[in-house]
N, C-alpha and C. Protein backbone atom coordinates (compact mmCIF):
# COMPACT_ATOMS: atom_id res chain seq x y z
N MET A 1 104.12 107.29 122.56
CA MET A 1 103.18 107.41 123.66
C MET A 1 102.41 106.11 123.82
N ARG A 2 102.20 105.73 125.05
CA ARG A 2 101.50 104.48 125.29
C ARG A 2 100.00 104.68 125.14
N PRO A 3 99.28 103.67 124.67
CA PRO A 3 97.82 103.76 124.61
C PRO A 3 97.26 103.99 126.00
N ASP A 4 96.18 104.80 126.09
CA ASP A 4 95.65 105.13 127.40
C ASP A 4 94.73 104.07 127.97
N ASP A 5 94.55 102.95 127.24
CA ASP A 5 93.69 101.90 127.78
C ASP A 5 94.46 100.61 128.01
N THR A 6 95.78 100.73 128.20
CA THR A 6 96.59 99.57 128.55
C THR A 6 97.23 99.82 129.91
N ASN A 7 97.61 98.74 130.57
CA ASN A 7 98.25 98.88 131.87
C ASN A 7 99.64 99.46 131.73
N HIS A 8 99.92 100.48 132.52
CA HIS A 8 101.23 101.13 132.46
C HIS A 8 102.17 100.47 133.47
N ALA A 9 102.63 99.31 133.12
CA ALA A 9 103.58 98.60 133.97
C ALA A 9 104.94 99.28 133.88
N PRO A 10 105.85 98.99 134.81
CA PRO A 10 107.19 99.56 134.70
C PRO A 10 107.81 99.26 133.34
N GLU A 11 108.57 100.21 132.83
CA GLU A 11 109.16 100.05 131.50
C GLU A 11 110.13 98.88 131.48
N SER A 12 110.00 98.08 130.43
CA SER A 12 110.91 96.95 130.26
C SER A 12 112.18 97.43 129.56
N VAL A 13 113.16 96.55 129.53
CA VAL A 13 114.41 96.87 128.82
C VAL A 13 114.11 97.09 127.34
N LEU A 14 113.25 96.25 126.75
CA LEU A 14 112.92 96.41 125.34
C LEU A 14 112.22 97.74 125.08
N HIS A 15 111.36 98.16 126.03
CA HIS A 15 110.68 99.45 125.87
C HIS A 15 111.69 100.59 125.85
N ARG A 16 112.65 100.55 126.77
CA ARG A 16 113.67 101.61 126.81
C ARG A 16 114.54 101.57 125.57
N GLN A 17 114.84 100.35 125.08
CA GLN A 17 115.62 100.24 123.85
C GLN A 17 114.84 100.80 122.66
N GLY A 18 113.53 100.55 122.65
CA GLY A 18 112.70 101.08 121.58
C GLY A 18 112.70 102.59 121.56
N LYS A 19 112.58 103.21 122.73
CA LYS A 19 112.62 104.67 122.81
C LYS A 19 113.96 105.21 122.33
N ALA A 20 115.03 104.54 122.72
CA ALA A 20 116.36 104.99 122.32
C ALA A 20 116.54 104.89 120.81
N LEU A 21 116.00 103.82 120.22
CA LEU A 21 116.11 103.65 118.77
C LEU A 21 115.36 104.75 118.03
N VAL A 22 114.13 105.03 118.46
CA VAL A 22 113.34 106.08 117.81
C VAL A 22 114.00 107.44 118.00
N THR A 23 114.53 107.70 119.18
CA THR A 23 115.20 108.98 119.45
C THR A 23 116.42 109.14 118.55
N ARG A 24 117.22 108.10 118.43
CA ARG A 24 118.42 108.17 117.58
C ARG A 24 118.05 108.41 116.12
N TRP A 25 117.00 107.72 115.67
CA TRP A 25 116.57 107.89 114.28
C TRP A 25 116.05 109.31 114.04
N ALA A 26 115.21 109.80 114.96
CA ALA A 26 114.60 111.12 114.78
C ALA A 26 115.62 112.25 114.85
N ALA A 27 116.70 112.04 115.62
CA ALA A 27 117.69 113.09 115.79
C ALA A 27 118.39 113.47 114.49
N THR A 28 118.39 112.55 113.53
CA THR A 28 119.06 112.84 112.26
C THR A 28 118.06 113.00 111.11
N HIS A 29 116.77 112.98 111.41
CA HIS A 29 115.77 113.10 110.35
C HIS A 29 115.64 114.57 109.94
N PRO A 30 115.67 114.87 108.64
CA PRO A 30 115.63 116.27 108.20
C PRO A 30 114.35 117.01 108.56
N ALA A 31 113.26 116.30 108.79
CA ALA A 31 112.00 116.97 109.11
C ALA A 31 111.84 117.25 110.60
N VAL A 32 112.77 116.76 111.42
CA VAL A 32 112.66 116.89 112.87
C VAL A 32 113.64 117.95 113.38
N ALA A 33 113.09 118.95 114.08
CA ALA A 33 113.93 120.00 114.65
C ALA A 33 114.41 119.65 116.04
N ASP A 34 113.58 118.89 116.78
CA ASP A 34 113.95 118.54 118.15
C ASP A 34 113.29 117.23 118.52
N VAL A 35 113.96 116.45 119.34
CA VAL A 35 113.41 115.19 119.83
C VAL A 35 113.74 115.07 121.31
N ALA A 36 112.75 114.64 122.10
CA ALA A 36 112.95 114.51 123.54
C ALA A 36 112.13 113.32 124.04
N GLU A 37 112.60 112.73 125.13
CA GLU A 37 111.91 111.59 125.73
C GLU A 37 111.18 112.02 127.00
N GLU A 38 110.11 111.26 127.31
CA GLU A 38 109.33 111.44 128.54
C GLU A 38 108.89 112.89 128.72
N VAL A 39 108.13 113.39 127.76
CA VAL A 39 107.67 114.79 127.78
C VAL A 39 106.20 114.83 128.19
N PRO A 40 105.86 115.57 129.27
CA PRO A 40 104.46 115.69 129.70
C PRO A 40 103.66 116.49 128.67
N LEU A 41 102.42 116.07 128.42
CA LEU A 41 101.52 116.76 127.51
C LEU A 41 100.19 116.99 128.19
N GLY A 42 99.50 118.04 127.75
CA GLY A 42 98.16 118.31 128.28
C GLY A 42 98.15 118.50 129.78
N GLY A 43 99.09 119.29 130.30
CA GLY A 43 99.13 119.53 131.73
C GLY A 43 99.63 118.35 132.53
N GLY A 44 100.33 117.45 131.86
CA GLY A 44 100.89 116.29 132.55
C GLY A 44 99.98 115.09 132.56
N GLU A 45 98.80 115.19 131.89
CA GLU A 45 97.88 114.05 131.86
C GLU A 45 98.42 112.90 131.02
N ARG A 46 99.19 113.22 130.00
CA ARG A 46 99.80 112.20 129.15
C ARG A 46 101.31 112.42 129.13
N ILE A 47 102.03 111.34 128.93
CA ILE A 47 103.48 111.41 128.82
C ILE A 47 103.88 110.82 127.47
N ALA A 48 104.53 111.62 126.64
CA ALA A 48 105.01 111.12 125.36
C ALA A 48 106.32 110.38 125.60
N ASP A 49 106.40 109.12 125.22
CA ASP A 49 107.65 108.39 125.34
C ASP A 49 108.74 109.10 124.55
N VAL A 50 108.41 109.47 123.31
CA VAL A 50 109.32 110.24 122.46
C VAL A 50 108.49 111.30 121.76
N LEU A 51 108.89 112.57 121.89
CA LEU A 51 108.16 113.66 121.27
C LEU A 51 109.02 114.30 120.18
N LEU A 52 108.47 114.36 118.97
CA LEU A 52 109.17 114.99 117.86
C LEU A 52 108.58 116.38 117.62
N THR A 53 109.42 117.34 117.39
CA THR A 53 108.99 118.70 117.09
C THR A 53 109.48 119.07 115.70
N SER A 54 108.57 119.55 114.85
CA SER A 54 108.94 119.92 113.50
C SER A 54 109.63 121.28 113.49
N HIS A 55 110.13 121.68 112.35
CA HIS A 55 110.81 122.96 112.23
C HIS A 55 109.84 124.13 112.37
N SER A 56 108.55 123.88 112.20
CA SER A 56 107.56 124.94 112.40
C SER A 56 107.19 125.11 113.87
N GLY A 57 107.73 124.23 114.71
CA GLY A 57 107.49 124.33 116.14
C GLY A 57 106.28 123.56 116.63
N ASN A 58 105.61 122.82 115.75
CA ASN A 58 104.43 122.07 116.14
C ASN A 58 104.76 120.99 117.15
N ARG A 59 103.99 120.94 118.25
CA ARG A 59 104.13 119.87 119.24
C ARG A 59 102.78 119.26 119.55
N LEU A 60 101.85 120.11 119.98
CA LEU A 60 100.54 119.59 120.33
C LEU A 60 99.68 119.48 119.08
N GLY A 61 98.68 118.62 119.12
CA GLY A 61 97.79 118.46 117.99
C GLY A 61 98.30 117.51 116.94
N VAL A 62 99.52 116.99 117.12
CA VAL A 62 100.08 116.03 116.17
C VAL A 62 99.56 114.64 116.53
N PRO A 63 99.09 113.88 115.56
CA PRO A 63 98.57 112.54 115.88
C PRO A 63 99.59 111.69 116.63
N VAL A 64 99.07 110.90 117.54
CA VAL A 64 99.91 109.99 118.32
C VAL A 64 100.25 108.78 117.47
N VAL A 65 101.51 108.38 117.50
CA VAL A 65 101.96 107.17 116.81
C VAL A 65 102.21 106.11 117.87
N TRP A 66 101.54 104.98 117.73
CA TRP A 66 101.72 103.87 118.66
C TRP A 66 102.59 102.81 118.02
N LEU A 67 103.71 102.51 118.67
CA LEU A 67 104.59 101.42 118.24
C LEU A 67 104.48 100.32 119.29
N PHE A 68 103.84 99.24 118.92
CA PHE A 68 103.66 98.14 119.86
C PHE A 68 104.91 97.28 119.92
N GLY A 69 105.07 96.58 121.04
CA GLY A 69 106.24 95.73 121.20
C GLY A 69 106.15 94.47 120.35
N ALA A 70 107.31 93.93 120.02
CA ALA A 70 107.37 92.75 119.16
C ALA A 70 107.07 91.46 119.92
N ILE A 71 107.00 91.55 121.25
CA ILE A 71 106.65 90.39 122.05
C ILE A 71 105.55 90.79 123.02
N GLY A 72 104.90 89.82 123.64
CA GLY A 72 103.86 90.13 124.61
C GLY A 72 102.47 90.04 124.02
N ALA A 73 101.48 90.44 124.83
CA ALA A 73 100.08 90.27 124.46
C ALA A 73 99.68 91.10 123.25
N LEU A 74 100.36 92.22 123.00
CA LEU A 74 99.99 93.11 121.90
C LEU A 74 100.86 92.91 120.66
N SER A 75 101.68 91.89 120.66
CA SER A 75 102.57 91.66 119.52
C SER A 75 101.82 90.97 118.39
N PRO A 76 102.35 91.03 117.17
CA PRO A 76 101.70 90.35 116.04
C PRO A 76 101.76 88.83 116.16
N LEU A 77 102.58 88.32 117.08
CA LEU A 77 102.71 86.88 117.23
C LEU A 77 101.43 86.25 117.79
N THR A 78 100.57 87.08 118.40
CA THR A 78 99.32 86.55 118.94
C THR A 78 98.31 86.24 117.83
N ALA A 79 98.55 86.79 116.63
CA ALA A 79 97.68 86.56 115.46
C ALA A 79 96.24 86.97 115.74
N ALA A 80 96.05 87.92 116.62
CA ALA A 80 94.70 88.41 116.93
C ALA A 80 94.77 89.91 117.20
N LEU A 81 93.78 90.64 116.71
CA LEU A 81 93.73 92.07 116.95
C LEU A 81 93.06 92.34 118.30
N ARG A 82 93.78 93.04 119.16
CA ARG A 82 93.21 93.45 120.42
C ARG A 82 92.41 94.75 120.22
N GLN A 83 91.67 95.14 121.25
CA GLN A 83 90.84 96.33 121.13
C GLN A 83 91.67 97.57 120.82
N VAL A 84 92.84 97.67 121.44
CA VAL A 84 93.67 98.84 121.20
C VAL A 84 94.18 98.88 119.76
N HIS A 85 94.43 97.70 119.16
CA HIS A 85 94.81 97.65 117.75
C HIS A 85 93.68 98.20 116.88
N LYS A 86 92.45 97.78 117.20
CA LYS A 86 91.30 98.21 116.41
C LYS A 86 91.09 99.71 116.52
N ARG A 87 91.41 100.28 117.68
CA ARG A 87 91.29 101.73 117.83
C ARG A 87 92.25 102.46 116.90
N VAL A 88 93.44 101.93 116.75
CA VAL A 88 94.40 102.54 115.83
C VAL A 88 93.87 102.48 114.40
N LEU A 89 93.36 101.32 114.00
CA LEU A 89 92.85 101.15 112.64
C LEU A 89 91.62 102.02 112.39
N GLU A 90 90.77 102.18 113.42
CA GLU A 90 89.60 103.03 113.27
C GLU A 90 89.99 104.48 113.02
N ARG A 91 91.15 104.88 113.49
CA ARG A 91 91.64 106.24 113.26
C ARG A 91 92.39 106.36 111.93
N GLN A 92 92.31 105.29 111.13
CA GLN A 92 92.95 105.25 109.81
C GLN A 92 94.46 105.49 109.91
N GLN A 93 95.04 104.86 110.92
CA GLN A 93 96.49 104.89 111.10
C GLN A 93 97.03 103.47 110.91
N PRO A 94 98.30 103.35 110.51
CA PRO A 94 98.87 102.02 110.34
C PRO A 94 99.11 101.35 111.68
N LEU A 95 99.03 100.03 111.67
CA LEU A 95 99.30 99.23 112.86
C LEU A 95 100.78 98.84 112.81
N LEU A 96 101.56 99.36 113.77
CA LEU A 96 103.01 99.23 113.74
C LEU A 96 103.54 98.51 114.98
N TRP A 97 104.59 97.72 114.76
CA TRP A 97 105.33 97.10 115.86
C TRP A 97 106.81 97.44 115.69
N ILE A 98 107.54 97.41 116.81
CA ILE A 98 108.97 97.71 116.74
C ILE A 98 109.75 96.62 117.47
N ASN A 99 110.82 96.17 116.82
CA ASN A 99 111.78 95.25 117.43
C ASN A 99 113.09 96.02 117.56
N PRO A 100 113.37 96.57 118.76
CA PRO A 100 114.54 97.42 118.92
C PRO A 100 115.86 96.67 118.86
N VAL A 101 115.83 95.38 119.10
CA VAL A 101 117.07 94.60 119.05
C VAL A 101 117.56 94.47 117.61
N GLU A 102 116.64 94.09 116.71
CA GLU A 102 116.99 93.94 115.30
C GLU A 102 116.77 95.23 114.51
N GLU A 103 116.23 96.28 115.19
CA GLU A 103 115.95 97.58 114.58
C GLU A 103 115.03 97.42 113.37
N VAL A 104 113.94 96.69 113.59
CA VAL A 104 112.99 96.38 112.52
C VAL A 104 111.61 96.90 112.94
N ILE A 105 110.89 97.43 111.95
CA ILE A 105 109.51 97.84 112.14
C ILE A 105 108.61 96.86 111.38
N GLY A 106 107.55 96.39 112.02
CA GLY A 106 106.56 95.56 111.36
C GLY A 106 105.28 96.34 111.19
N TRP A 107 104.57 96.10 110.10
CA TRP A 107 103.28 96.76 109.92
C TRP A 107 102.29 95.79 109.29
N ALA A 108 101.02 95.95 109.65
CA ALA A 108 100.00 94.99 109.26
C ALA A 108 99.30 95.42 107.99
N ARG A 109 99.02 94.43 107.14
CA ARG A 109 98.19 94.65 105.97
C ARG A 109 97.31 93.44 105.75
N ASP A 110 96.32 93.60 104.89
CA ASP A 110 95.38 92.52 104.61
C ASP A 110 96.13 91.34 104.00
N GLN A 111 95.89 90.16 104.54
CA GLN A 111 96.56 88.95 104.05
C GLN A 111 96.31 88.73 102.57
N ARG A 112 95.13 89.13 102.08
CA ARG A 112 94.79 88.90 100.69
C ARG A 112 95.47 89.88 99.74
N GLY A 113 96.12 90.92 100.31
CA GLY A 113 96.78 91.90 99.46
C GLY A 113 95.80 92.76 98.69
N ARG A 114 94.60 92.98 99.27
CA ARG A 114 93.56 93.75 98.58
C ARG A 114 93.26 95.05 99.32
N GLY A 115 94.26 95.71 99.80
CA GLY A 115 94.04 96.99 100.46
C GLY A 115 94.40 96.93 101.94
N LEU A 116 93.94 97.95 102.66
CA LEU A 116 94.31 98.12 104.05
C LEU A 116 93.55 97.16 104.95
N LEU A 117 94.15 96.88 106.08
CA LEU A 117 93.50 96.04 107.08
C LEU A 117 92.40 96.83 107.75
N GLY A 118 91.20 96.25 107.83
CA GLY A 118 90.07 96.94 108.44
C GLY A 118 90.04 96.77 109.95
N PRO A 119 89.39 97.70 110.66
CA PRO A 119 89.35 97.63 112.12
C PRO A 119 88.52 96.49 112.67
N SER A 120 87.69 95.86 111.84
CA SER A 120 86.86 94.77 112.34
C SER A 120 87.67 93.53 112.69
N GLY A 121 88.84 93.41 112.07
CA GLY A 121 89.65 92.24 112.32
C GLY A 121 89.14 91.01 111.62
N GLY A 122 88.16 91.16 110.72
CA GLY A 122 87.57 90.03 110.05
C GLY A 122 88.48 89.40 109.01
N HIS A 123 89.45 90.17 108.52
CA HIS A 123 90.37 89.66 107.52
C HIS A 123 91.67 89.23 108.17
N ALA A 124 92.22 88.14 107.67
CA ALA A 124 93.52 87.71 108.18
C ALA A 124 94.56 88.74 107.78
N MET A 125 95.54 88.94 108.64
CA MET A 125 96.56 89.94 108.36
C MET A 125 97.91 89.28 108.16
N ARG A 126 98.75 89.96 107.44
CA ARG A 126 100.14 89.56 107.36
C ARG A 126 100.98 90.75 107.77
N VAL A 127 102.16 90.49 108.27
CA VAL A 127 103.04 91.55 108.75
C VAL A 127 104.20 91.70 107.78
N GLU A 128 104.39 92.90 107.30
CA GLU A 128 105.54 93.21 106.46
C GLU A 128 106.55 93.98 107.30
N PHE A 129 107.79 93.96 106.86
CA PHE A 129 108.86 94.51 107.69
C PHE A 129 109.64 95.59 106.96
N ALA A 130 110.14 96.54 107.74
CA ALA A 130 110.91 97.65 107.20
C ALA A 130 111.82 98.17 108.31
N THR A 131 112.60 99.17 107.98
CA THR A 131 113.38 99.88 109.01
C THR A 131 112.74 101.25 109.21
N LEU A 132 113.16 101.95 110.24
CA LEU A 132 112.63 103.29 110.46
C LEU A 132 112.93 104.20 109.27
N ASP A 133 114.07 104.00 108.63
CA ASP A 133 114.43 104.83 107.47
C ASP A 133 113.51 104.59 106.29
N ASP A 134 112.83 103.44 106.28
CA ASP A 134 111.90 103.15 105.18
C ASP A 134 110.54 103.81 105.38
N LEU A 135 110.29 104.38 106.56
CA LEU A 135 108.99 104.96 106.86
C LEU A 135 108.92 106.41 106.40
N VAL A 136 107.69 106.88 106.19
CA VAL A 136 107.44 108.25 105.76
C VAL A 136 106.93 109.03 106.97
N LEU A 137 107.63 110.11 107.32
CA LEU A 137 107.22 110.95 108.44
C LEU A 137 106.41 112.12 107.91
N ARG A 138 105.13 112.16 108.29
CA ARG A 138 104.24 113.22 107.86
C ARG A 138 103.57 113.85 109.07
N ALA A 139 102.87 114.95 108.82
CA ALA A 139 102.14 115.60 109.91
C ALA A 139 101.05 114.69 110.45
N THR A 140 100.62 113.74 109.64
CA THR A 140 99.56 112.81 110.06
C THR A 140 100.10 111.58 110.78
N GLY A 141 101.41 111.44 110.84
CA GLY A 141 101.96 110.31 111.56
C GLY A 141 103.15 109.68 110.87
N LEU A 142 103.52 108.50 111.35
CA LEU A 142 104.64 107.72 110.83
C LEU A 142 104.06 106.59 109.99
N LEU A 143 104.34 106.62 108.69
CA LEU A 143 103.62 105.75 107.76
C LEU A 143 104.57 104.90 106.93
N PRO A 144 104.32 103.60 106.84
CA PRO A 144 105.11 102.76 105.93
C PRO A 144 104.81 103.14 104.48
N THR A 145 105.82 103.09 103.63
CA THR A 145 105.63 103.44 102.22
C THR A 145 104.54 102.58 101.59
N GLY A 146 104.56 101.29 101.84
CA GLY A 146 103.55 100.40 101.28
C GLY A 146 102.15 100.71 101.79
N TRP A 147 102.05 101.17 103.05
CA TRP A 147 100.75 101.52 103.61
C TRP A 147 100.21 102.76 102.91
N VAL A 148 101.09 103.73 102.65
CA VAL A 148 100.67 104.94 101.95
C VAL A 148 100.15 104.59 100.56
N ALA A 149 100.87 103.71 99.86
CA ALA A 149 100.45 103.31 98.52
C ALA A 149 99.10 102.60 98.56
N ASP A 150 98.90 101.71 99.55
CA ASP A 150 97.63 101.01 99.70
C ASP A 150 96.50 102.00 99.96
N ARG A 151 96.76 103.00 100.81
CA ARG A 151 95.72 103.97 101.14
C ARG A 151 95.32 104.78 99.91
N GLU A 152 96.31 105.20 99.12
CA GLU A 152 96.00 105.98 97.92
C GLU A 152 95.22 105.13 96.92
N THR A 153 95.60 103.84 96.80
CA THR A 153 94.87 102.95 95.89
C THR A 153 93.43 102.77 96.35
N GLU A 154 93.25 102.60 97.67
CA GLU A 154 91.91 102.40 98.20
C GLU A 154 91.06 103.65 98.02
N ARG A 155 91.65 104.83 98.24
CA ARG A 155 90.90 106.07 98.06
C ARG A 155 90.51 106.26 96.60
N ALA A 156 91.43 105.93 95.68
CA ALA A 156 91.11 106.03 94.26
C ALA A 156 89.97 105.08 93.90
N SER A 157 89.99 103.88 94.51
CA SER A 157 88.92 102.92 94.25
C SER A 157 87.58 103.45 94.74
N TRP A 158 87.58 104.08 95.93
CA TRP A 158 86.34 104.68 96.44
C TRP A 158 85.83 105.75 95.49
N ARG A 159 86.75 106.60 95.00
CA ARG A 159 86.34 107.66 94.09
C ARG A 159 85.78 107.07 92.80
N ASP A 160 86.43 106.01 92.28
CA ASP A 160 85.95 105.39 91.05
C ASP A 160 84.57 104.76 91.24
N ARG A 161 84.39 104.08 92.39
CA ARG A 161 83.09 103.46 92.64
C ARG A 161 82.00 104.51 92.79
N GLY A 162 82.35 105.63 93.45
CA GLY A 162 81.38 106.70 93.60
C GLY A 162 81.01 107.32 92.27
N ALA A 163 82.02 107.54 91.41
CA ALA A 163 81.76 108.11 90.09
C ALA A 163 80.92 107.16 89.24
N ALA A 164 81.23 105.86 89.34
CA ALA A 164 80.46 104.87 88.56
C ALA A 164 79.01 104.83 89.02
N ALA A 165 78.81 104.91 90.35
CA ALA A 165 77.44 104.90 90.88
C ALA A 165 76.67 106.12 90.42
N ARG A 166 77.35 107.29 90.42
CA ARG A 166 76.68 108.51 89.96
C ARG A 166 76.35 108.43 88.47
N THR A 167 77.26 107.82 87.68
CA THR A 167 77.00 107.66 86.25
C THR A 167 75.81 106.75 86.01
N ARG A 168 75.74 105.63 86.76
CA ARG A 168 74.62 104.71 86.60
C ARG A 168 73.30 105.37 86.98
N GLN A 169 73.34 106.13 88.08
CA GLN A 169 72.11 106.79 88.51
C GLN A 169 71.68 107.84 87.50
N GLY A 170 72.67 108.60 86.97
CA GLY A 170 72.35 109.60 85.96
C GLY A 170 71.80 108.97 84.69
N ALA A 171 72.38 107.83 84.30
CA ALA A 171 71.91 107.14 83.10
C ALA A 171 70.49 106.64 83.29
N ARG A 172 70.22 106.11 84.49
CA ARG A 172 68.87 105.60 84.75
C ARG A 172 67.86 106.75 84.74
N THR A 173 68.24 107.89 85.34
CA THR A 173 67.35 109.04 85.34
C THR A 173 67.07 109.51 83.92
N MET A 174 68.12 109.55 83.09
CA MET A 174 67.94 109.97 81.71
C MET A 174 67.07 108.96 80.96
N ALA A 175 67.26 107.66 81.24
CA ALA A 175 66.46 106.65 80.57
C ALA A 175 64.99 106.77 80.94
N LEU A 176 64.73 107.02 82.23
CA LEU A 176 63.35 107.20 82.65
C LEU A 176 62.73 108.42 81.99
N ARG A 177 63.54 109.47 81.86
CA ARG A 177 63.05 110.69 81.23
C ARG A 177 62.65 110.44 79.79
N HIS A 178 63.40 109.55 79.13
CA HIS A 178 63.12 109.26 77.73
C HIS A 178 62.18 108.06 77.56
N GLY A 179 61.71 107.52 78.69
CA GLY A 179 60.77 106.41 78.60
C GLY A 179 61.38 105.13 78.09
N THR A 180 62.69 104.92 78.34
CA THR A 180 63.35 103.73 77.80
C THR A 180 63.64 102.70 78.88
N ASP A 181 63.10 102.90 80.08
CA ASP A 181 63.38 101.97 81.18
C ASP A 181 62.44 100.76 81.09
N ARG A 182 62.66 99.95 80.10
CA ARG A 182 61.85 98.74 79.91
C ARG A 182 62.72 97.69 79.23
N PRO A 183 62.39 96.41 79.34
CA PRO A 183 63.21 95.36 78.72
C PRO A 183 63.35 95.57 77.22
N LEU A 184 64.51 95.15 76.72
CA LEU A 184 64.73 95.26 75.28
C LEU A 184 63.84 94.28 74.52
N SER A 185 63.29 94.74 73.44
CA SER A 185 62.52 93.87 72.56
C SER A 185 63.40 93.44 71.40
N PRO A 186 63.05 92.36 70.72
CA PRO A 186 63.85 91.94 69.57
C PRO A 186 64.05 93.09 68.59
N GLY A 187 65.32 93.28 68.19
CA GLY A 187 65.63 94.34 67.24
C GLY A 187 66.04 95.64 67.89
N GLN A 188 65.80 95.79 69.20
CA GLN A 188 66.22 97.02 69.87
C GLN A 188 67.71 96.97 70.17
N VAL A 189 68.33 98.16 70.18
CA VAL A 189 69.78 98.29 70.42
C VAL A 189 69.99 98.95 71.78
N PRO A 190 70.85 98.37 72.64
CA PRO A 190 71.06 98.97 73.96
C PRO A 190 72.02 100.16 73.91
N CYS A 191 71.85 101.07 74.84
CA CYS A 191 72.79 102.19 75.03
C CYS A 191 74.12 101.63 75.49
N ALA A 192 75.21 102.16 74.95
CA ALA A 192 76.55 101.66 75.29
C ALA A 192 76.92 101.97 76.73
N THR A 193 76.24 102.93 77.37
CA THR A 193 76.56 103.30 78.75
C THR A 193 75.62 102.65 79.76
N CYS A 194 74.30 102.82 79.56
CA CYS A 194 73.36 102.33 80.56
C CYS A 194 72.73 100.99 80.20
N GLY A 195 72.85 100.57 78.95
CA GLY A 195 72.32 99.28 78.55
C GLY A 195 70.84 99.27 78.25
N LEU A 196 70.16 100.41 78.38
CA LEU A 196 68.74 100.47 78.09
C LEU A 196 68.52 100.73 76.60
N ALA A 197 67.29 100.52 76.16
CA ALA A 197 67.00 100.59 74.72
C ALA A 197 67.19 102.00 74.18
N LEU A 198 67.79 102.06 72.99
CA LEU A 198 67.97 103.33 72.29
C LEU A 198 66.80 103.58 71.35
N ASP A 199 66.42 104.84 71.24
CA ASP A 199 65.48 105.23 70.20
C ASP A 199 66.16 105.02 68.85
N PRO A 200 65.44 104.62 67.81
CA PRO A 200 66.09 104.39 66.51
C PRO A 200 66.95 105.54 66.02
N ILE A 201 66.56 106.78 66.34
CA ILE A 201 67.36 107.91 65.84
C ILE A 201 68.69 108.04 66.58
N LEU A 202 68.85 107.31 67.71
CA LEU A 202 70.09 107.38 68.50
C LEU A 202 70.99 106.17 68.29
N ILE A 203 70.55 105.23 67.44
CA ILE A 203 71.34 104.01 67.27
C ILE A 203 72.72 104.33 66.72
N LYS A 204 72.80 105.23 65.77
CA LYS A 204 74.10 105.57 65.20
C LYS A 204 74.98 106.25 66.24
N ARG A 205 74.36 107.07 67.12
CA ARG A 205 75.11 107.75 68.18
C ARG A 205 75.64 106.75 69.20
N GLY A 206 74.82 105.74 69.54
CA GLY A 206 75.25 104.68 70.44
C GLY A 206 74.91 104.88 71.89
N THR A 207 74.55 106.10 72.27
CA THR A 207 74.18 106.39 73.68
C THR A 207 73.04 107.36 73.68
N HIS A 208 72.34 107.44 74.84
CA HIS A 208 71.37 108.49 75.03
C HIS A 208 72.07 109.83 75.19
N PHE A 209 71.41 110.92 74.90
CA PHE A 209 71.96 112.24 75.18
C PHE A 209 72.12 112.40 76.69
N GLY A 210 73.24 112.90 77.10
CA GLY A 210 73.53 113.05 78.53
C GLY A 210 73.97 111.78 79.19
N CYS A 211 74.20 110.73 78.41
CA CYS A 211 74.55 109.42 78.96
C CYS A 211 75.89 108.97 78.44
N GLU A 212 76.75 109.93 78.07
CA GLU A 212 78.04 109.57 77.51
C GLU A 212 78.92 108.95 78.58
N PRO A 213 79.72 107.96 78.24
CA PRO A 213 80.63 107.36 79.23
C PRO A 213 81.67 108.38 79.66
N HIS A 214 82.11 108.27 80.94
CA HIS A 214 83.11 109.18 81.47
C HIS A 214 84.47 108.52 81.44
């Protein structure tokens, strides 16, 4: 389906080739029960270039997958994220391009290799390449394997940072409760978790009560 904020010029040969490539691929995909081109949606307000139907019969409510052309103003060759690209990233979807001649899919990731590309466009991007068969078809969309791995890594990092922040806050609360929130004096031993001073009776234990590392 084409983005609703781009000009709907007459379909180019490459656009028709792209639709044909996706249709051919989907027709043999085990998760796809039916595939059709130029299907009206929402009372005809939108037209799906290629519509995939799962074996459960789902059609509406499935996230839209945007495959941008490999050439033109929206291609990765411009080295700049357009507003429509940022909209895709804001929806936490991968940024994908299709080259129907070479049957190659390109997808964007952070140039630094430190996770997913953000919608701000502040980070330089690099484009990695795959085929349609290399992509993962889920109810949430069409996802590159590497993109899925990056997303899971990023989510795990968020969970770890959140857990660490909660541990630090809990340790500080416990330290305040025990009156240990003050600089260490010579001879004092720090808690192994929060770093605040231990009462002499807790030195052997190594941490405050309730301040055990997770």
